[in-house]
Amino acid sequence: MRGDGVHVLVVGAGIAGLASARTLHEWGATVEVIDRQPAPPLGGTGIFLPGNSVRALGLLGIGSEVARRAIGIDRQQTLDHRGRTLFEIETDSLWHGVAPCLALHRADLHRVLLTGLGDISVRWAASPEAVTFDDAGVTVTVDGTPSRYDLVLGADGVHSTVRHLTFGPGAVQKVGQWARRFVVKHDVEPATWSVRLGRGSAFLTIPIGEDQVYCYVDGPLNDHRSLRDLLAGYADPVPSLLDALDAHNDTAAAMQTGDIEEVIVGSWVRDTVLLIGDAAHATSPNMAQGAGLAIEDAAVLAETLDSATDLGAALTMFERRRRPRTDWVREQTHRRDRARELPPALRNALLRWFGARIQRANNRQLREQP
């Protein structure tokens, strides 16, 4: 089936929405994109792209452009809060035959995706107000104006308006962690993803180029202690990274904070409305798979639409193909969180002995094509 004459609305101009808009346009559809934000994001933090994410970017035809803006990550290491190595693994070994691992500023990835839209424009500061169904298709009301579409993609994130209007509330669940994210100028070990584990907290550093490092910190939900208090006892480079954050002219603006949440919904499809990306299957970020799964969604959607005889069948096929993979990733995140919650002495011993094996097992299915 080709998309000629198919009118599509993509709600959400994040990674899932922009990647899907590109593939739907190449499929032949007429594509509109709207987003609730007032303008494209210029700030933000960093992003780590494991091998399956980079492979999916290649399937979309933008892998080389992203790679030009990114740096390669050759090694992942896990340490205790004092900086003692628990285990490490070479990414070439972990993702051999798939693709390299990359890291970059999230805004740079967004720019590549926006540029890849070609002549598709994004309507900013626009969000659905109503979604209704009849035999002729789906009608979406935006800014008081109803318009009919053959296909609507809800790519609008964890707190998806499309999901709420189409499937109702109740899909978002708290994982039990409070996160802080920021980017600072600092020298850290090059080409190395490093996480330090404390009691009930973790501190992740990823270099993203030009002496910039992306930092991710999490701790217990409702524990809003200052970073200094939460990370008391952590060895360098953590104190010096916090110094760099404090030196920022506007620390509050430099740091993103919020609950870690996941999305569990009974179905991603109603009629010809489809949820993709975080709107369908958000998980804890401890597998770094949010962007990768969203990009895979876009690639698989295009392939599924090509092979199906009608839209309804294509969307059903898409969910049947994707859900086992996204459910499996969610289960891995739960296992990793449970391991982190062990008493530190037991957790550290477990990771010293079995960490590399666990890491390989966590990612084994993701080595397969999406």
Protein backbone atom coordinates (compact mmCIF):
# COMPACT_ATOMS: atom_id res chain seq x y z
CA MET A 1 0.00 0.00 0.00
CA ARG A 2 1.27 3.48 -0.88
CA GLY A 3 0.41 6.66 0.99
CA ASP A 4 -0.72 8.75 -1.98
CA GLY A 5 -3.86 10.61 -0.95
CA VAL A 6 -3.49 9.68 2.74
CA HIS A 7 -3.77 12.71 5.03
CA VAL A 8 -1.84 12.31 8.30
CA LEU A 9 -1.68 14.44 11.43
CA VAL A 10 1.39 13.92 13.61
CA VAL A 11 0.91 15.34 17.09
CA GLY A 12 4.26 16.03 18.70
CA ALA A 13 7.46 17.41 17.18
CA GLY A 14 9.86 15.48 19.37
CA ILE A 15 12.01 12.56 18.30
CA ALA A 16 9.13 10.14 17.65
CA GLY A 17 7.00 12.67 15.81
CA LEU A 18 9.70 14.12 13.57
CA ALA A 19 11.14 10.73 12.68
CA SER A 20 7.69 9.38 11.83
CA ALA A 21 6.71 12.47 9.83
CA ARG A 22 9.80 11.95 7.68
CA THR A 23 9.02 8.30 6.96
CA LEU A 24 5.33 8.97 6.31
CA HIS A 25 6.19 11.71 3.83
CA GLU A 26 8.57 9.37 2.01
CA TRP A 27 5.76 6.78 1.99
CA GLY A 28 3.73 9.30 -0.01
CA ALA A 29 1.33 10.72 2.57
CA THR A 30 0.42 14.37 3.06
CA VAL A 31 1.72 15.12 6.55
CA GLU A 32 0.91 17.87 9.05
CA VAL A 33 2.87 18.21 12.31
CA ILE A 34 1.71 20.16 15.36
CA ASP A 35 3.30 20.61 18.77
CA ARG A 36 2.15 22.21 22.01
CA GLN A 37 5.50 23.97 22.55
CA PRO A 38 5.74 27.58 21.34
CA ALA A 39 8.93 27.02 19.31
CA PRO A 40 11.63 24.43 18.56
CA PRO A 41 13.75 23.61 21.62
CA LEU A 42 17.06 25.44 21.68
CA GLY A 43 18.26 24.23 25.06
CA GLY A 44 17.85 20.90 26.76
CA THR A 45 20.44 18.43 27.94
CA GLY A 46 22.30 15.51 26.39
CA ILE A 47 21.34 12.17 24.94
CA PHE A 48 23.07 8.80 24.68
CA LEU A 49 22.27 6.64 21.65
CA PRO A 50 23.10 2.93 22.01
CA GLY A 51 23.87 0.82 18.97
CA ASN A 52 20.27 -0.07 18.10
CA SER A 53 19.32 3.64 18.18
CA VAL A 54 22.13 4.54 15.77
CA ARG A 55 21.18 1.64 13.48
CA ALA A 56 17.59 2.96 13.39
CA LEU A 57 18.84 6.44 12.46
CA GLY A 58 20.63 4.81 9.56
CA LEU A 59 17.39 3.16 8.45
CA LEU A 60 15.86 6.64 8.31
CA GLY A 61 18.76 7.94 6.23
CA ILE A 62 20.08 10.43 8.80
CA GLY A 63 22.64 8.34 10.66
CA SER A 64 25.67 10.01 9.10
CA GLU A 65 24.34 13.52 9.76
CA VAL A 66 23.76 12.71 13.43
CA ALA A 67 27.20 11.11 13.69
CA ARG A 68 28.83 14.31 12.41
CA ARG A 69 27.37 16.21 15.36
CA ALA A 70 28.06 13.50 17.97
CA ILE A 71 31.01 11.86 19.66
CA GLY A 72 31.59 8.15 19.87
CA ILE A 73 31.24 6.38 23.21
CA ASP A 74 33.70 3.49 23.38
CA ARG A 75 33.26 2.31 26.96
CA GLN A 76 30.61 2.06 29.66
CA GLN A 77 31.74 1.81 33.25
CA THR A 78 29.86 1.36 36.51
CA LEU A 79 31.51 2.48 39.76
CA ASP A 80 30.54 2.88 43.38
CA HIS A 81 30.07 6.39 44.77
CA ARG A 82 33.75 6.53 45.79
CA GLY A 83 34.88 5.91 42.22
CA ARG A 84 35.89 2.25 42.58
CA THR A 85 35.17 0.24 39.42
CA LEU A 86 32.46 -2.39 39.72
CA PHE A 87 32.57 -3.42 36.06
CA GLU A 88 33.10 -1.97 32.61
CA ILE A 89 32.36 -3.05 29.07
CA GLU A 90 33.54 -1.98 25.63
CA THR A 91 30.65 -0.78 23.50
CA ASP A 92 32.20 -2.27 20.34
CA SER A 93 31.91 -5.64 22.01
CA LEU A 94 28.39 -5.03 23.30
CA TRP A 95 27.05 -3.77 19.95
CA HIS A 96 29.37 -5.57 17.52
CA GLY A 97 27.73 -5.87 14.11
CA VAL A 98 24.94 -3.41 15.00
CA ALA A 99 26.27 0.18 15.12
CA PRO A 100 28.49 2.39 17.30
CA CYS A 101 27.21 4.22 20.36
CA LEU A 102 26.98 8.01 20.12
CA ALA A 103 26.33 10.95 22.45
CA LEU A 104 25.35 14.51 21.58
CA HIS A 105 23.32 17.46 22.72
CA ARG A 106 19.62 16.69 22.41
CA ALA A 107 19.03 19.98 20.58
CA ASP A 108 21.49 18.88 17.88
CA LEU A 109 19.56 15.66 17.30
CA HIS A 110 16.36 17.69 17.13
CA ARG A 111 17.88 20.02 14.51
CA VAL A 112 18.83 17.08 12.30
CA LEU A 113 15.31 15.68 12.54
CA LEU A 114 13.75 19.08 11.78
CA THR A 115 16.01 19.57 8.77
CA GLY A 116 15.09 16.09 7.58
CA LEU A 117 11.42 17.10 7.28
CA GLY A 118 12.16 18.90 4.01
CA ASP A 119 9.07 20.84 2.97
CA ILE A 120 6.92 19.63 5.90
CA SER A 121 6.29 22.50 8.29
CA VAL A 122 5.61 22.28 12.02
CA ARG A 123 2.76 24.26 13.52
CA TRP A 124 3.95 25.31 16.96
CA ALA A 125 1.78 26.24 19.97
CA ALA A 126 -0.98 23.93 18.76
CA SER A 127 -2.54 20.96 20.52
CA PRO A 128 -5.66 18.80 19.98
CA GLU A 129 -8.80 19.84 21.85
CA ALA A 130 -11.01 16.94 20.71
CA VAL A 131 -10.71 13.67 18.78
CA THR A 132 -13.88 12.15 17.29
CA PHE A 133 -14.54 9.15 15.05
CA ASP A 134 -16.97 8.29 12.28
CA ASP A 135 -17.07 6.04 9.24
CA ALA A 136 -15.18 8.60 7.16
CA GLY A 137 -12.16 8.84 9.44
CA VAL A 138 -10.88 10.74 12.46
CA THR A 139 -11.66 14.39 13.17
CA VAL A 140 -9.24 16.40 15.31
CA THR A 141 -10.10 19.85 16.59
CA VAL A 142 -7.21 22.28 16.97
CA ASP A 143 -7.71 25.94 17.96
CA GLY A 144 -11.45 25.48 17.57
CA THR A 145 -11.20 24.20 13.98
CA PRO A 146 -12.09 20.56 13.20
CA SER A 147 -10.19 18.77 10.43
CA ARG A 148 -10.56 15.24 9.13
CA TYR A 149 -7.58 12.88 8.80
CA ASP A 150 -7.02 9.37 7.53
CA LEU A 151 -4.35 8.69 10.18
CA VAL A 152 -3.44 10.42 13.45
CA LEU A 153 -0.18 9.70 15.27
CA GLY A 154 0.02 10.50 18.97
CA ALA A 155 3.73 11.20 19.34
CA ASP A 156 3.27 13.76 22.10
CA GLY A 157 5.17 12.16 24.95
CA VAL A 158 4.50 10.75 28.38
CA HIS A 159 1.61 13.12 29.09
CA SER A 160 0.06 12.65 25.65
CA THR A 161 -3.02 14.71 24.85
CA VAL A 162 -3.91 12.33 22.02
CA ARG A 163 -3.79 9.36 24.39
CA HIS A 164 -5.92 11.15 26.99
CA LEU A 165 -8.55 12.21 24.42
CA THR A 166 -8.63 8.84 22.68
CA PHE A 167 -8.04 6.26 25.41
CA GLY A 168 -8.73 8.17 28.63
CA PRO A 169 -6.54 8.76 31.70
CA GLY A 170 -4.56 6.35 33.86
CA ALA A 171 -1.65 5.27 31.65
CA VAL A 172 1.13 7.14 33.49
CA GLN A 173 2.79 5.49 36.48
CA LYS A 174 5.54 6.83 38.71
CA VAL A 175 8.69 4.73 38.87
CA GLY A 176 9.66 6.08 42.30
CA GLN A 177 12.64 8.28 41.40
CA TRP A 178 13.24 12.01 41.13
CA ALA A 179 15.71 13.07 38.43
CA ARG A 180 17.90 16.07 37.70
CA ARG A 181 19.59 16.65 34.34
CA PHE A 182 22.12 19.30 33.35
CA VAL A 183 25.02 20.05 31.00
CA VAL A 184 28.22 21.76 32.17
CA LYS A 185 31.66 22.55 30.82
CA HIS A 186 34.09 20.07 32.30
CA ASP A 187 36.79 17.56 31.43
CA VAL A 188 35.77 13.98 32.07
CA GLU A 189 37.21 10.74 30.75
CA PRO A 190 36.75 10.95 26.96
CA ALA A 191 34.48 8.58 25.06
CA THR A 192 33.29 7.02 28.34
CA TRP A 193 29.77 6.64 29.74
CA SER A 194 30.18 6.47 33.54
CA VAL A 195 27.65 5.90 36.28
CA ARG A 196 28.42 6.08 40.00
CA LEU A 197 26.06 4.31 42.39
CA GLY A 198 25.44 5.45 45.94
CA ARG A 199 22.85 4.49 48.54
CA GLY A 200 19.55 5.34 46.86
CA SER A 201 21.15 7.63 44.30
CA ALA A 202 23.08 7.53 41.04
CA PHE A 203 25.21 10.02 39.10
CA LEU A 204 25.74 9.50 35.37
CA THR A 205 28.20 11.42 33.18
CA ILE A 206 28.38 11.34 29.38
CA PRO A 207 30.71 13.58 27.35
CA ILE A 208 28.81 15.19 24.46
CA GLY A 209 31.61 17.21 22.82
CA GLU A 210 33.40 20.57 23.12
CA ASP A 211 34.32 19.90 26.78
CA GLN A 212 30.64 19.56 27.60
CA VAL A 213 29.37 16.77 29.79
CA TYR A 214 25.79 15.67 30.27
CA CYS A 215 24.98 14.77 33.87
CA TYR A 216 21.99 12.78 35.09
CA VAL A 217 21.25 12.34 38.79
CA ASP A 218 18.41 10.48 40.43
CA GLY A 219 17.29 9.79 43.96
CA PRO A 220 14.16 8.72 45.83
CA LEU A 221 10.83 10.25 44.88
CA ASN A 222 9.84 13.16 47.15
CA ASP A 223 13.45 13.47 48.36
CA HIS A 224 14.14 17.02 47.24
CA ARG A 225 17.39 17.52 49.09
CA SER A 226 19.98 19.69 47.42
CA LEU A 227 22.37 17.88 45.11
CA ARG A 228 25.17 18.53 47.61
CA ASP A 229 23.25 16.72 50.34
CA LEU A 230 22.00 13.90 48.10
CA LEU A 231 25.51 13.25 46.76
CA ALA A 232 27.46 13.76 49.99
CA GLY A 233 30.43 11.35 50.02
CA TYR A 234 30.67 10.99 46.23
CA ALA A 235 34.27 11.23 45.01
CA ASP A 236 35.56 13.40 42.18
CA PRO A 237 34.60 14.33 39.56
CA VAL A 238 31.15 14.69 41.17
CA PRO A 239 32.03 17.61 43.52
CA SER A 240 33.80 19.50 40.73
CA LEU A 241 30.86 18.93 38.37
CA LEU A 242 28.56 20.39 41.02
CA ASP A 243 30.95 23.34 41.31
CA ALA A 244 30.63 23.86 37.56
CA LEU A 245 26.85 23.77 37.87
CA ASP A 246 26.93 26.31 40.72
CA ALA A 247 29.09 28.59 38.58
CA HIS A 248 26.38 28.72 35.93
CA ASN A 249 24.71 32.13 35.80
CA ASP A 250 21.29 30.59 36.29
CA THR A 251 21.50 27.17 37.91
CA ALA A 252 17.73 26.71 37.99
CA ALA A 253 17.49 27.30 34.25
CA ALA A 254 20.45 24.99 33.59
CA MET A 255 18.88 22.01 35.34
CA GLN A 256 15.81 19.97 34.38
CA THR A 257 14.02 18.16 37.20
CA GLY A 258 11.04 15.86 37.49
CA ASP A 259 9.54 12.49 38.33
CA ILE A 260 10.63 9.42 36.41
CA GLU A 261 7.46 7.98 34.88
CA GLU A 262 6.48 5.12 32.63
CA VAL A 263 3.48 4.58 30.37
CA ILE A 264 1.45 1.36 30.31
CA VAL A 265 -1.60 1.36 28.05
CA GLY A 266 -3.75 -1.58 27.01
CA SER A 267 -3.71 -0.75 23.30
CA TRP A 268 -1.85 1.73 21.13
CA VAL A 269 -4.52 1.69 18.42
CA ARG A 270 -8.07 2.95 18.17
CA ASP A 271 -9.52 3.05 14.68
CA THR A 272 -6.80 4.94 12.75
CA VAL A 273 -5.24 6.68 15.74
CA LEU A 274 -1.86 5.25 16.75
CA LEU A 275 0.32 6.03 19.76
CA ILE A 276 4.09 5.85 19.25
CA GLY A 277 7.23 6.66 21.22
CA ASP A 278 6.87 7.70 24.84
CA ALA A 279 3.12 8.26 24.39
CA ALA A 280 2.82 4.48 23.95
CA HIS A 281 5.66 2.90 25.93
CA ALA A 282 7.76 5.32 28.01
CA THR A 283 10.05 3.59 30.51
CA SER A 284 12.65 4.46 33.10
CA PRO A 285 15.74 5.91 31.35
CA ASN A 286 18.13 3.38 32.87
CA MET A 287 18.29 1.45 29.56
CA ALA A 288 18.72 4.67 27.51
CA GLN A 289 16.11 3.36 25.07
CA GLY A 290 13.51 6.15 24.92
CA ALA A 291 14.90 7.76 21.77
CA GLY A 292 15.97 4.46 20.23
CA LEU A 293 12.56 2.85 20.56
CA ALA A 294 10.92 5.99 19.14
CA ILE A 295 13.22 5.99 16.10
CA GLU A 296 12.65 2.27 15.63
CA ASP A 297 8.90 2.94 15.77
CA ALA A 298 9.22 5.33 12.83
CA ALA A 299 11.22 2.87 10.75
CA VAL A 300 8.91 -0.07 11.49
CA LEU A 301 5.78 2.01 10.84
CA ALA A 302 6.92 2.84 7.32
CA GLU A 303 7.77 -0.79 6.61
CA THR A 304 4.44 -1.98 8.01
CA LEU A 305 2.43 0.53 6.00
CA ASP A 306 4.22 -0.57 2.81
CA SER A 307 3.37 -4.22 3.36
CA ALA A 308 -0.26 -3.89 4.53
CA THR A 309 -3.39 -3.68 2.42
CA ASP A 310 -5.14 -1.00 4.50
CA LEU A 311 -4.43 1.40 7.36
CA GLY A 312 -6.31 -0.52 10.03
CA ALA A 313 -4.43 -3.72 9.27
CA ALA A 314 -1.12 -1.83 9.21
CA LEU A 315 -1.62 -0.31 12.65
CA THR A 316 -2.61 -3.66 14.15
CA MET A 317 0.46 -5.27 12.59
CA PHE A 318 2.64 -2.46 13.89
CA GLU A 319 1.55 -2.92 17.51
CA ARG A 320 1.80 -6.70 17.28
CA ARG A 321 5.37 -6.39 16.03
CA ARG A 322 6.57 -3.64 18.38
CA ARG A 323 4.92 -4.45 21.70
CA PRO A 324 7.00 -7.54 22.62
CA ARG A 325 10.18 -5.47 22.21
CA THR A 326 8.98 -2.45 24.18
CA ASP A 327 7.49 -4.68 26.92
CA TRP A 328 10.81 -6.51 27.16
CA VAL A 329 12.70 -3.21 27.56
CA ARG A 330 10.32 -2.16 30.34
CA GLU A 331 10.96 -5.44 32.16
CA GLN A 332 14.72 -4.91 31.89
CA THR A 333 14.35 -1.42 33.42
CA HIS A 334 12.39 -2.92 36.31
CA ARG A 335 15.10 -5.53 36.89
CA ARG A 336 17.83 -2.89 36.85
CA ASP A 337 15.92 -0.74 39.33
CA ARG A 338 15.39 -3.71 41.64
CA ALA A 339 19.12 -4.48 41.53
CA ARG A 340 19.93 -0.87 42.41
CA GLU A 341 17.65 -1.06 45.43
CA LEU A 342 19.65 -3.89 46.99
CA PRO A 343 21.83 -3.02 50.01
CA PRO A 344 24.95 -1.33 48.55
CA ALA A 345 27.40 -4.01 49.72
CA LEU A 346 25.33 -6.78 48.12
CA ARG A 347 24.61 -4.76 44.99
CA ASN A 348 28.27 -3.88 44.48
CA ALA A 349 29.40 -7.48 44.93
CA LEU A 350 26.76 -8.65 42.46
CA LEU A 351 27.90 -6.11 39.87
CA ARG A 352 31.60 -6.93 40.35
CA TRP A 353 30.94 -10.58 39.61
CA PHE A 354 28.12 -10.44 37.09
CA GLY A 355 27.77 -6.82 35.87
CA ALA A 356 29.12 -7.32 32.36
CA ARG A 357 27.05 -10.48 31.92
CA ILE A 358 23.92 -8.65 33.10
CA GLN A 359 24.63 -5.76 30.73
CA ARG A 360 24.89 -8.11 27.78
CA ALA A 361 21.68 -9.90 28.76
CA ASN A 362 19.82 -6.58 29.15
CA ASN A 363 20.64 -5.63 25.56
CA ARG A 364 20.62 -9.01 23.84
CA GLN A 365 17.21 -8.70 22.18
CA LEU A 366 17.97 -5.16 21.07
CA ARG A 367 20.78 -6.45 18.90
CA GLU A 368 18.14 -8.03 16.67
CA GLN A 369 16.52 -5.94 13.95
CA PRO A 370 13.43 -4.04 15.18
